[in-house]
Amino acid sequence: MAQFKLKINGQWREVDVDPATPLLWVLRDHLQMVGTKFGCGMAQCGACTVHLGKTATRSCVLPVSAVGDSPVTTIEGLSENGDHPLQKAWLEMDVPQCGYCQAGQIMSAAALLKSNPHPSDEEIDAAMMGNICRCGTYTRIKKAIKTAAAK
């Protein structure tokens, strides 16, 4: 076990965990931040996406020891009241079905819009390619990203 001091959603948090523990399990099991979901455990589905610095990162395969001083943003930290433009657009475009992948989808989209405020369809497709939606709401996801980008 080792002590880690992590800046998560703007607040410093301390955890005492095995250095190999994936960030996902630190968030969910040790800090009770359950908005970030477990999907595949192999960084293939995107359900566990968080921001490490400004980069969309799969937390299921990122050892907590690799976080270092980089700030972590989870879906809980994207906005205080669920009023981030993407969260609003998600509801406006009726994106959520089962909802399981939505936190990861939104976090990937937020990283895209932060680096590219007006992405093309191709850029959206490329940025979102690693996020799987079993309900198949990809068309609505793209519309929501475009709606948020326009605001």
N, C-alpha and C. Protein backbone atom coordinates (compact mmCIF):
# COMPACT_ATOMS: atom_id res chain seq x y z
N MET A 1 0.84 -1.19 0.00
CA MET A 1 0.00 0.00 0.00
C MET A 1 0.89 1.25 0.00
N ALA A 2 0.33 2.30 -0.57
CA ALA A 2 1.05 3.57 -0.63
C ALA A 2 0.03 4.71 -0.56
N GLN A 3 0.48 5.84 -0.08
CA GLN A 3 -0.37 7.03 0.00
C GLN A 3 -0.27 7.80 -1.31
N PHE A 4 -1.43 8.21 -1.81
CA PHE A 4 -1.47 9.03 -3.01
C PHE A 4 -2.34 10.24 -2.73
N LYS A 5 -1.84 11.39 -3.13
CA LYS A 5 -2.60 12.64 -3.03
C LYS A 5 -3.01 13.01 -4.45
N LEU A 6 -4.32 13.00 -4.71
CA LEU A 6 -4.84 13.21 -6.06
C LEU A 6 -5.73 14.44 -6.08
N LYS A 7 -5.60 15.23 -7.13
CA LYS A 7 -6.49 16.37 -7.31
C LYS A 7 -7.63 15.92 -8.22
N ILE A 8 -8.80 15.71 -7.61
CA ILE A 8 -9.95 15.21 -8.34
C ILE A 8 -11.07 16.24 -8.27
N ASN A 9 -11.51 16.66 -9.42
CA ASN A 9 -12.58 17.66 -9.53
C ASN A 9 -12.27 18.91 -8.70
N GLY A 10 -11.00 19.30 -8.73
CA GLY A 10 -10.58 20.52 -8.06
C GLY A 10 -10.28 20.39 -6.58
N GLN A 11 -10.47 19.21 -6.01
CA GLN A 11 -10.20 19.00 -4.58
C GLN A 11 -9.12 17.95 -4.40
N TRP A 12 -8.25 18.19 -3.43
CA TRP A 12 -7.21 17.21 -3.13
C TRP A 12 -7.81 16.11 -2.28
N ARG A 13 -7.55 14.87 -2.67
CA ARG A 13 -8.04 13.70 -1.95
C ARG A 13 -6.85 12.77 -1.69
N GLU A 14 -6.84 12.12 -0.54
CA GLU A 14 -5.78 11.18 -0.22
C GLU A 14 -6.34 9.77 -0.13
N VAL A 15 -5.60 8.84 -0.70
CA VAL A 15 -5.99 7.44 -0.64
C VAL A 15 -4.77 6.60 -0.32
N ASP A 16 -5.00 5.49 0.35
CA ASP A 16 -3.95 4.54 0.69
C ASP A 16 -4.30 3.24 -0.03
N VAL A 17 -3.65 3.02 -1.18
CA VAL A 17 -3.97 1.88 -2.03
C VAL A 17 -2.71 1.29 -2.64
N ASP A 18 -2.85 0.10 -3.19
CA ASP A 18 -1.77 -0.51 -3.96
C ASP A 18 -1.49 0.39 -5.17
N PRO A 19 -0.24 0.69 -5.46
CA PRO A 19 0.09 1.56 -6.60
C PRO A 19 -0.44 1.07 -7.95
N ALA A 20 -0.69 -0.22 -8.08
CA ALA A 20 -1.18 -0.77 -9.34
C ALA A 20 -2.70 -0.68 -9.47
N THR A 21 -3.39 -0.22 -8.43
CA THR A 21 -4.85 -0.12 -8.48
C THR A 21 -5.27 0.84 -9.59
N PRO A 22 -6.15 0.39 -10.49
CA PRO A 22 -6.62 1.31 -11.53
C PRO A 22 -7.37 2.50 -10.92
N LEU A 23 -7.19 3.65 -11.55
CA LEU A 23 -7.85 4.87 -11.09
C LEU A 23 -9.36 4.66 -10.96
N LEU A 24 -9.95 3.91 -11.87
CA LEU A 24 -11.39 3.64 -11.80
C LEU A 24 -11.80 3.13 -10.43
N TRP A 25 -11.05 2.15 -9.91
CA TRP A 25 -11.43 1.54 -8.62
C TRP A 25 -11.11 2.45 -7.46
N VAL A 26 -10.10 3.31 -7.60
CA VAL A 26 -9.85 4.32 -6.57
C VAL A 26 -11.05 5.26 -6.50
N LEU A 27 -11.51 5.71 -7.66
CA LEU A 27 -12.66 6.61 -7.70
C LEU A 27 -13.91 5.95 -7.12
N ARG A 28 -14.24 4.77 -7.61
CA ARG A 28 -15.50 4.11 -7.24
C ARG A 28 -15.46 3.51 -5.83
N ASP A 29 -14.42 2.74 -5.53
CA ASP A 29 -14.40 1.98 -4.28
C ASP A 29 -13.83 2.74 -3.09
N HIS A 30 -12.88 3.62 -3.34
CA HIS A 30 -12.23 4.30 -2.23
C HIS A 30 -12.77 5.71 -2.01
N LEU A 31 -13.26 6.35 -3.06
CA LEU A 31 -13.75 7.72 -2.93
C LEU A 31 -15.26 7.82 -3.16
N GLN A 32 -15.93 6.71 -3.41
CA GLN A 32 -17.38 6.64 -3.62
C GLN A 32 -17.87 7.60 -4.70
N MET A 33 -17.07 7.75 -5.72
CA MET A 33 -17.45 8.57 -6.89
C MET A 33 -17.85 7.59 -7.98
N VAL A 34 -19.13 7.26 -8.07
CA VAL A 34 -19.58 6.16 -8.91
C VAL A 34 -20.13 6.59 -10.27
N GLY A 35 -19.95 7.84 -10.63
CA GLY A 35 -20.39 8.29 -11.95
C GLY A 35 -19.58 7.67 -13.07
N THR A 36 -18.32 7.42 -12.84
CA THR A 36 -17.46 6.76 -13.82
C THR A 36 -17.75 5.27 -13.75
N LYS A 37 -18.05 4.68 -14.88
CA LYS A 37 -18.52 3.29 -14.91
C LYS A 37 -17.44 2.31 -15.33
N PHE A 38 -17.59 1.07 -14.88
CA PHE A 38 -16.77 -0.05 -15.35
C PHE A 38 -17.51 -0.68 -16.51
N GLY A 39 -16.81 -0.86 -17.62
CA GLY A 39 -17.43 -1.51 -18.77
C GLY A 39 -16.72 -2.80 -19.11
N CYS A 40 -15.50 -2.69 -19.64
CA CYS A 40 -14.79 -3.87 -20.13
C CYS A 40 -13.53 -4.18 -19.34
N GLY A 41 -12.93 -3.18 -18.71
CA GLY A 41 -11.69 -3.38 -17.99
C GLY A 41 -10.45 -3.46 -18.87
N MET A 42 -10.63 -3.18 -20.17
CA MET A 42 -9.51 -3.28 -21.11
C MET A 42 -9.34 -2.02 -21.96
N ALA A 43 -9.95 -0.92 -21.56
CA ALA A 43 -9.86 0.35 -22.28
C ALA A 43 -10.43 0.27 -23.68
N GLN A 44 -11.40 -0.60 -23.90
CA GLN A 44 -11.98 -0.79 -25.22
C GLN A 44 -13.34 -0.14 -25.40
N CYS A 45 -14.08 0.10 -24.30
CA CYS A 45 -15.47 0.55 -24.46
C CYS A 45 -15.68 2.04 -24.13
N GLY A 46 -14.80 2.63 -23.32
CA GLY A 46 -14.91 4.04 -23.01
C GLY A 46 -15.82 4.42 -21.86
N ALA A 47 -16.49 3.45 -21.23
CA ALA A 47 -17.41 3.78 -20.14
C ALA A 47 -16.68 4.43 -18.96
N CYS A 48 -15.40 4.14 -18.81
CA CYS A 48 -14.63 4.62 -17.66
C CYS A 48 -13.87 5.92 -17.94
N THR A 49 -14.21 6.61 -19.01
CA THR A 49 -13.44 7.79 -19.43
C THR A 49 -13.53 8.92 -18.42
N VAL A 50 -12.37 9.45 -18.07
CA VAL A 50 -12.23 10.65 -17.24
C VAL A 50 -11.23 11.55 -17.96
N HIS A 51 -11.03 12.74 -17.45
CA HIS A 51 -9.98 13.60 -17.99
C HIS A 51 -8.78 13.53 -17.05
N LEU A 52 -7.63 13.30 -17.62
CA LEU A 52 -6.37 13.40 -16.91
C LEU A 52 -5.69 14.61 -17.51
N GLY A 53 -5.68 15.70 -16.76
CA GLY A 53 -5.30 16.98 -17.34
C GLY A 53 -6.42 17.36 -18.30
N LYS A 54 -6.09 17.54 -19.56
CA LYS A 54 -7.09 17.90 -20.57
C LYS A 54 -7.40 16.73 -21.51
N THR A 55 -6.83 15.56 -21.20
CA THR A 55 -6.93 14.42 -22.10
C THR A 55 -7.95 13.41 -21.61
N ALA A 56 -8.82 12.97 -22.51
CA ALA A 56 -9.75 11.88 -22.20
C ALA A 56 -8.93 10.61 -22.01
N THR A 57 -9.12 9.95 -20.86
CA THR A 57 -8.29 8.82 -20.46
C THR A 57 -9.16 7.70 -19.93
N ARG A 58 -8.82 6.48 -20.28
CA ARG A 58 -9.55 5.30 -19.77
C ARG A 58 -9.03 4.97 -18.38
N SER A 59 -9.85 5.17 -17.38
CA SER A 59 -9.41 4.99 -15.99
C SER A 59 -9.33 3.53 -15.56
N CYS A 60 -9.89 2.62 -16.34
CA CYS A 60 -9.87 1.20 -15.95
C CYS A 60 -8.49 0.58 -16.08
N VAL A 61 -7.62 1.16 -16.89
CA VAL A 61 -6.28 0.61 -17.09
C VAL A 61 -5.18 1.55 -16.61
N LEU A 62 -5.53 2.68 -16.07
CA LEU A 62 -4.54 3.65 -15.61
C LEU A 62 -4.23 3.40 -14.13
N PRO A 63 -3.02 2.92 -13.82
CA PRO A 63 -2.69 2.72 -12.41
C PRO A 63 -2.66 4.06 -11.68
N VAL A 64 -3.14 4.06 -10.47
CA VAL A 64 -3.18 5.31 -9.70
C VAL A 64 -1.77 5.91 -9.58
N SER A 65 -0.76 5.07 -9.58
CA SER A 65 0.62 5.56 -9.47
C SER A 65 1.03 6.38 -10.69
N ALA A 66 0.32 6.24 -11.80
CA ALA A 66 0.66 6.99 -13.02
C ALA A 66 -0.01 8.35 -13.10
N VAL A 67 -0.92 8.64 -12.17
CA VAL A 67 -1.66 9.92 -12.20
C VAL A 67 -0.73 11.08 -11.89
N GLY A 68 0.13 10.90 -10.92
CA GLY A 68 1.06 11.96 -10.53
C GLY A 68 0.33 13.22 -10.10
N ASP A 69 0.79 14.37 -10.57
CA ASP A 69 0.19 15.66 -10.21
C ASP A 69 -0.90 16.10 -11.18
N SER A 70 -1.18 15.31 -12.18
CA SER A 70 -2.18 15.70 -13.17
C SER A 70 -3.57 15.73 -12.54
N PRO A 71 -4.31 16.80 -12.76
CA PRO A 71 -5.67 16.85 -12.22
C PRO A 71 -6.58 15.85 -12.93
N VAL A 72 -7.49 15.27 -12.18
CA VAL A 72 -8.46 14.32 -12.70
C VAL A 72 -9.83 14.98 -12.66
N THR A 73 -10.56 14.89 -13.75
CA THR A 73 -11.94 15.37 -13.77
C THR A 73 -12.83 14.19 -14.13
N THR A 74 -13.85 13.97 -13.31
CA THR A 74 -14.83 12.92 -13.56
C THR A 74 -16.12 13.58 -14.01
N ILE A 75 -17.10 12.77 -14.35
CA ILE A 75 -18.40 13.32 -14.75
C ILE A 75 -18.98 14.17 -13.63
N GLU A 76 -18.71 13.80 -12.38
CA GLU A 76 -19.22 14.60 -11.25
C GLU A 76 -18.60 16.00 -11.23
N GLY A 77 -17.40 16.14 -11.77
CA GLY A 77 -16.71 17.41 -11.75
C GLY A 77 -16.87 18.24 -13.02
N LEU A 78 -17.58 17.70 -14.00
CA LEU A 78 -17.76 18.44 -15.25
C LEU A 78 -18.56 19.71 -15.03
N SER A 79 -19.58 19.63 -14.18
CA SER A 79 -20.35 20.82 -13.80
C SER A 79 -21.02 20.54 -12.46
N GLU A 80 -21.24 21.58 -11.70
CA GLU A 80 -21.84 21.41 -10.37
C GLU A 80 -23.29 20.97 -10.43
N ASN A 81 -24.03 21.48 -11.41
CA ASN A 81 -25.48 21.25 -11.45
C ASN A 81 -25.95 20.50 -12.68
N GLY A 82 -25.04 19.81 -13.35
CA GLY A 82 -25.43 19.12 -14.58
C GLY A 82 -25.79 20.07 -15.70
N ASP A 83 -25.21 21.28 -15.66
CA ASP A 83 -25.57 22.28 -16.65
C ASP A 83 -24.46 22.55 -17.68
N HIS A 84 -23.53 21.64 -17.79
CA HIS A 84 -22.52 21.76 -18.84
C HIS A 84 -23.26 21.71 -20.18
N PRO A 85 -22.83 22.47 -21.18
CA PRO A 85 -23.52 22.45 -22.47
C PRO A 85 -23.72 21.05 -23.05
N LEU A 86 -22.76 20.16 -22.85
CA LEU A 86 -22.94 18.79 -23.34
C LEU A 86 -24.04 18.06 -22.58
N GLN A 87 -24.09 18.24 -21.27
CA GLN A 87 -25.13 17.58 -20.49
C GLN A 87 -26.52 18.07 -20.90
N LYS A 88 -26.62 19.36 -21.14
CA LYS A 88 -27.89 19.93 -21.60
C LYS A 88 -28.25 19.40 -22.99
N ALA A 89 -27.27 19.38 -23.88
CA ALA A 89 -27.50 18.91 -25.25
C ALA A 89 -27.87 17.42 -25.25
N TRP A 90 -27.26 16.67 -24.35
CA TRP A 90 -27.56 15.24 -24.26
C TRP A 90 -29.05 15.03 -23.98
N LEU A 91 -29.58 15.84 -23.08
CA LEU A 91 -31.01 15.73 -22.76
C LEU A 91 -31.88 16.28 -23.90
N GLU A 92 -31.45 17.40 -24.46
CA GLU A 92 -32.20 18.02 -25.54
C GLU A 92 -32.33 17.09 -26.75
N MET A 93 -31.27 16.34 -27.05
CA MET A 93 -31.26 15.43 -28.20
C MET A 93 -31.75 14.03 -27.83
N ASP A 94 -32.17 13.86 -26.58
CA ASP A 94 -32.71 12.58 -26.12
C ASP A 94 -31.71 11.43 -26.31
N VAL A 95 -30.45 11.68 -25.96
CA VAL A 95 -29.40 10.69 -26.15
C VAL A 95 -29.54 9.49 -25.21
N PRO A 96 -29.73 9.69 -23.91
CA PRO A 96 -29.65 8.54 -23.01
C PRO A 96 -30.74 7.49 -23.25
N GLN A 97 -30.31 6.27 -23.30
CA GLN A 97 -31.23 5.14 -23.31
C GLN A 97 -31.02 4.43 -21.98
N CYS A 98 -30.13 3.44 -21.95
CA CYS A 98 -29.86 2.77 -20.67
C CYS A 98 -29.01 3.67 -19.77
N GLY A 99 -28.21 4.55 -20.39
CA GLY A 99 -27.42 5.51 -19.64
C GLY A 99 -26.05 5.03 -19.20
N TYR A 100 -25.76 3.75 -19.37
CA TYR A 100 -24.52 3.22 -18.81
C TYR A 100 -23.28 3.86 -19.39
N CYS A 101 -23.25 4.10 -20.68
CA CYS A 101 -22.05 4.63 -21.33
C CYS A 101 -21.99 6.15 -21.29
N GLN A 102 -23.04 6.79 -20.85
CA GLN A 102 -23.18 8.24 -21.03
C GLN A 102 -22.08 9.06 -20.38
N ALA A 103 -21.66 8.72 -19.17
CA ALA A 103 -20.60 9.50 -18.52
C ALA A 103 -19.33 9.48 -19.37
N GLY A 104 -18.96 8.30 -19.84
CA GLY A 104 -17.77 8.18 -20.68
C GLY A 104 -17.92 8.90 -22.01
N GLN A 105 -19.10 8.80 -22.59
CA GLN A 105 -19.37 9.50 -23.86
C GLN A 105 -19.21 11.01 -23.66
N ILE A 106 -19.85 11.53 -22.62
CA ILE A 106 -19.81 12.97 -22.36
C ILE A 106 -18.39 13.43 -22.06
N MET A 107 -17.63 12.65 -21.30
CA MET A 107 -16.26 13.05 -20.98
C MET A 107 -15.39 13.06 -22.23
N SER A 108 -15.57 12.09 -23.12
CA SER A 108 -14.81 12.11 -24.38
C SER A 108 -15.21 13.32 -25.23
N ALA A 109 -16.50 13.58 -25.30
CA ALA A 109 -16.98 14.73 -26.07
C ALA A 109 -16.48 16.05 -25.48
N ALA A 110 -16.45 16.15 -24.16
CA ALA A 110 -15.98 17.37 -23.51
C ALA A 110 -14.51 17.62 -23.81
N ALA A 111 -13.70 16.56 -23.82
CA ALA A 111 -12.29 16.72 -24.16
C ALA A 111 -12.14 17.17 -25.61
N LEU A 112 -12.96 16.61 -26.49
CA LEU A 112 -12.93 17.03 -27.89
C LEU A 112 -13.25 18.51 -28.02
N LEU A 113 -14.36 18.95 -27.42
CA LEU A 113 -14.78 20.35 -27.57
C LEU A 113 -13.82 21.31 -26.90
N LYS A 114 -13.13 20.86 -25.87
CA LYS A 114 -12.15 21.73 -25.23
C LYS A 114 -10.96 21.99 -26.16
N SER A 115 -10.57 20.96 -26.91
CA SER A 115 -9.43 21.12 -27.82
C SER A 115 -9.85 21.60 -29.21
N ASN A 116 -11.11 21.37 -29.55
CA ASN A 116 -11.61 21.73 -30.88
C ASN A 116 -13.07 22.17 -30.74
N PRO A 117 -13.33 23.44 -30.49
CA PRO A 117 -14.69 23.91 -30.20
C PRO A 117 -15.71 23.73 -31.32
N HIS A 118 -15.25 23.55 -32.55
CA HIS A 118 -16.17 23.40 -33.68
C HIS A 118 -15.71 22.24 -34.57
N PRO A 119 -15.83 21.01 -34.08
CA PRO A 119 -15.33 19.87 -34.85
C PRO A 119 -16.22 19.51 -36.04
N SER A 120 -15.61 18.95 -37.05
CA SER A 120 -16.34 18.43 -38.20
C SER A 120 -16.93 17.06 -37.84
N ASP A 121 -17.78 16.55 -38.69
CA ASP A 121 -18.33 15.21 -38.48
C ASP A 121 -17.21 14.17 -38.36
N GLU A 122 -16.22 14.27 -39.21
CA GLU A 122 -15.11 13.33 -39.20
C GLU A 122 -14.31 13.42 -37.90
N GLU A 123 -14.11 14.65 -37.41
CA GLU A 123 -13.38 14.83 -36.15
C GLU A 123 -14.17 14.29 -34.97
N ILE A 124 -15.49 14.46 -35.00
CA ILE A 124 -16.34 13.89 -33.95
C ILE A 124 -16.25 12.37 -33.99
N ASP A 125 -16.38 11.80 -35.18
CA ASP A 125 -16.29 10.34 -35.33
C ASP A 125 -14.96 9.82 -34.79
N ALA A 126 -13.88 10.48 -35.13
CA ALA A 126 -12.55 10.04 -34.68
C ALA A 126 -12.41 10.14 -33.16
N ALA A 127 -12.89 11.22 -32.57
CA ALA A 127 -12.77 11.41 -31.12
C ALA A 127 -13.64 10.45 -30.33
N MET A 128 -14.78 10.08 -30.90
CA MET A 128 -15.74 9.25 -30.18
C MET A 128 -15.62 7.77 -30.54
N MET A 129 -14.72 7.42 -31.43
CA MET A 129 -14.61 6.06 -31.92
C MET A 129 -14.40 5.04 -30.80
N GLY A 130 -13.70 5.39 -29.76
CA GLY A 130 -13.42 4.45 -28.67
C GLY A 130 -14.51 4.33 -27.64
N ASN A 131 -15.64 5.00 -27.83
CA ASN A 131 -16.75 4.92 -26.88
C ASN A 131 -17.88 4.11 -27.50
N ILE A 132 -18.21 3.02 -26.86
CA ILE A 132 -19.24 2.13 -27.37
C ILE A 132 -20.56 2.39 -26.65
N CYS A 133 -21.62 2.48 -27.45
CA CYS A 133 -22.99 2.62 -26.91
C CYS A 133 -23.77 1.39 -27.37
N ARG A 134 -24.10 0.54 -26.44
CA ARG A 134 -24.82 -0.69 -26.79
C ARG A 134 -26.23 -0.40 -27.28
N CYS A 135 -26.76 0.77 -26.91
CA CYS A 135 -28.12 1.13 -27.34
C CYS A 135 -28.11 1.73 -28.75
N GLY A 136 -26.94 2.08 -29.26
CA GLY A 136 -26.82 2.57 -30.63
C GLY A 136 -27.29 3.99 -30.86
N THR A 137 -27.07 4.87 -29.89
CA THR A 137 -27.54 6.26 -30.04
C THR A 137 -26.48 7.16 -30.69
N TYR A 138 -25.65 6.61 -31.53
CA TYR A 138 -24.54 7.36 -32.13
C TYR A 138 -24.99 8.59 -32.90
N THR A 139 -26.07 8.50 -33.63
CA THR A 139 -26.56 9.66 -34.40
C THR A 139 -26.95 10.78 -33.45
N ARG A 140 -27.64 10.44 -32.36
CA ARG A 140 -28.03 11.45 -31.38
C ARG A 140 -26.82 12.01 -30.63
N ILE A 141 -25.84 11.16 -30.37
CA ILE A 141 -24.62 11.62 -29.70
C ILE A 141 -23.94 12.69 -30.56
N LYS A 142 -23.83 12.42 -31.86
CA LYS A 142 -23.20 13.39 -32.77
C LYS A 142 -24.01 14.69 -32.79
N LYS A 143 -25.34 14.58 -32.85
CA LYS A 143 -26.19 15.79 -32.83
C LYS A 143 -26.00 16.58 -31.54
N ALA A 144 -25.88 15.88 -30.43
CA ALA A 144 -25.69 16.56 -29.14
C ALA A 144 -24.36 17.28 -29.09
N ILE A 145 -23.32 16.66 -29.62
CA ILE A 145 -21.99 17.31 -29.65
C ILE A 145 -22.06 18.55 -30.53
N LYS A 146 -22.71 18.47 -31.67
CA LYS A 146 -22.84 19.63 -32.55
C LYS A 146 -23.68 20.72 -31.89
N THR A 147 -24.73 20.33 -31.17
CA THR A 147 -25.57 21.31 -30.46
C THR A 147 -24.77 22.03 -29.40
N ALA A 148 -23.99 21.28 -28.62
CA ALA A 148 -23.16 21.89 -27.58
C ALA A 148 -22.10 22.79 -28.20
N ALA A 149 -21.53 22.38 -29.31
CA ALA A 149 -20.49 23.18 -29.97
C ALA A 149 -21.05 24.51 -30.47
N ALA A 150 -22.31 24.51 -30.83
CA ALA A 150 -22.94 25.73 -31.35
C ALA A 150 -23.27 26.74 -30.25
N LYS A 151 -23.23 26.31 -29.01
CA LYS A 151 -23.59 27.20 -27.90
C LYS A 151 -22.42 27.85 -27.25
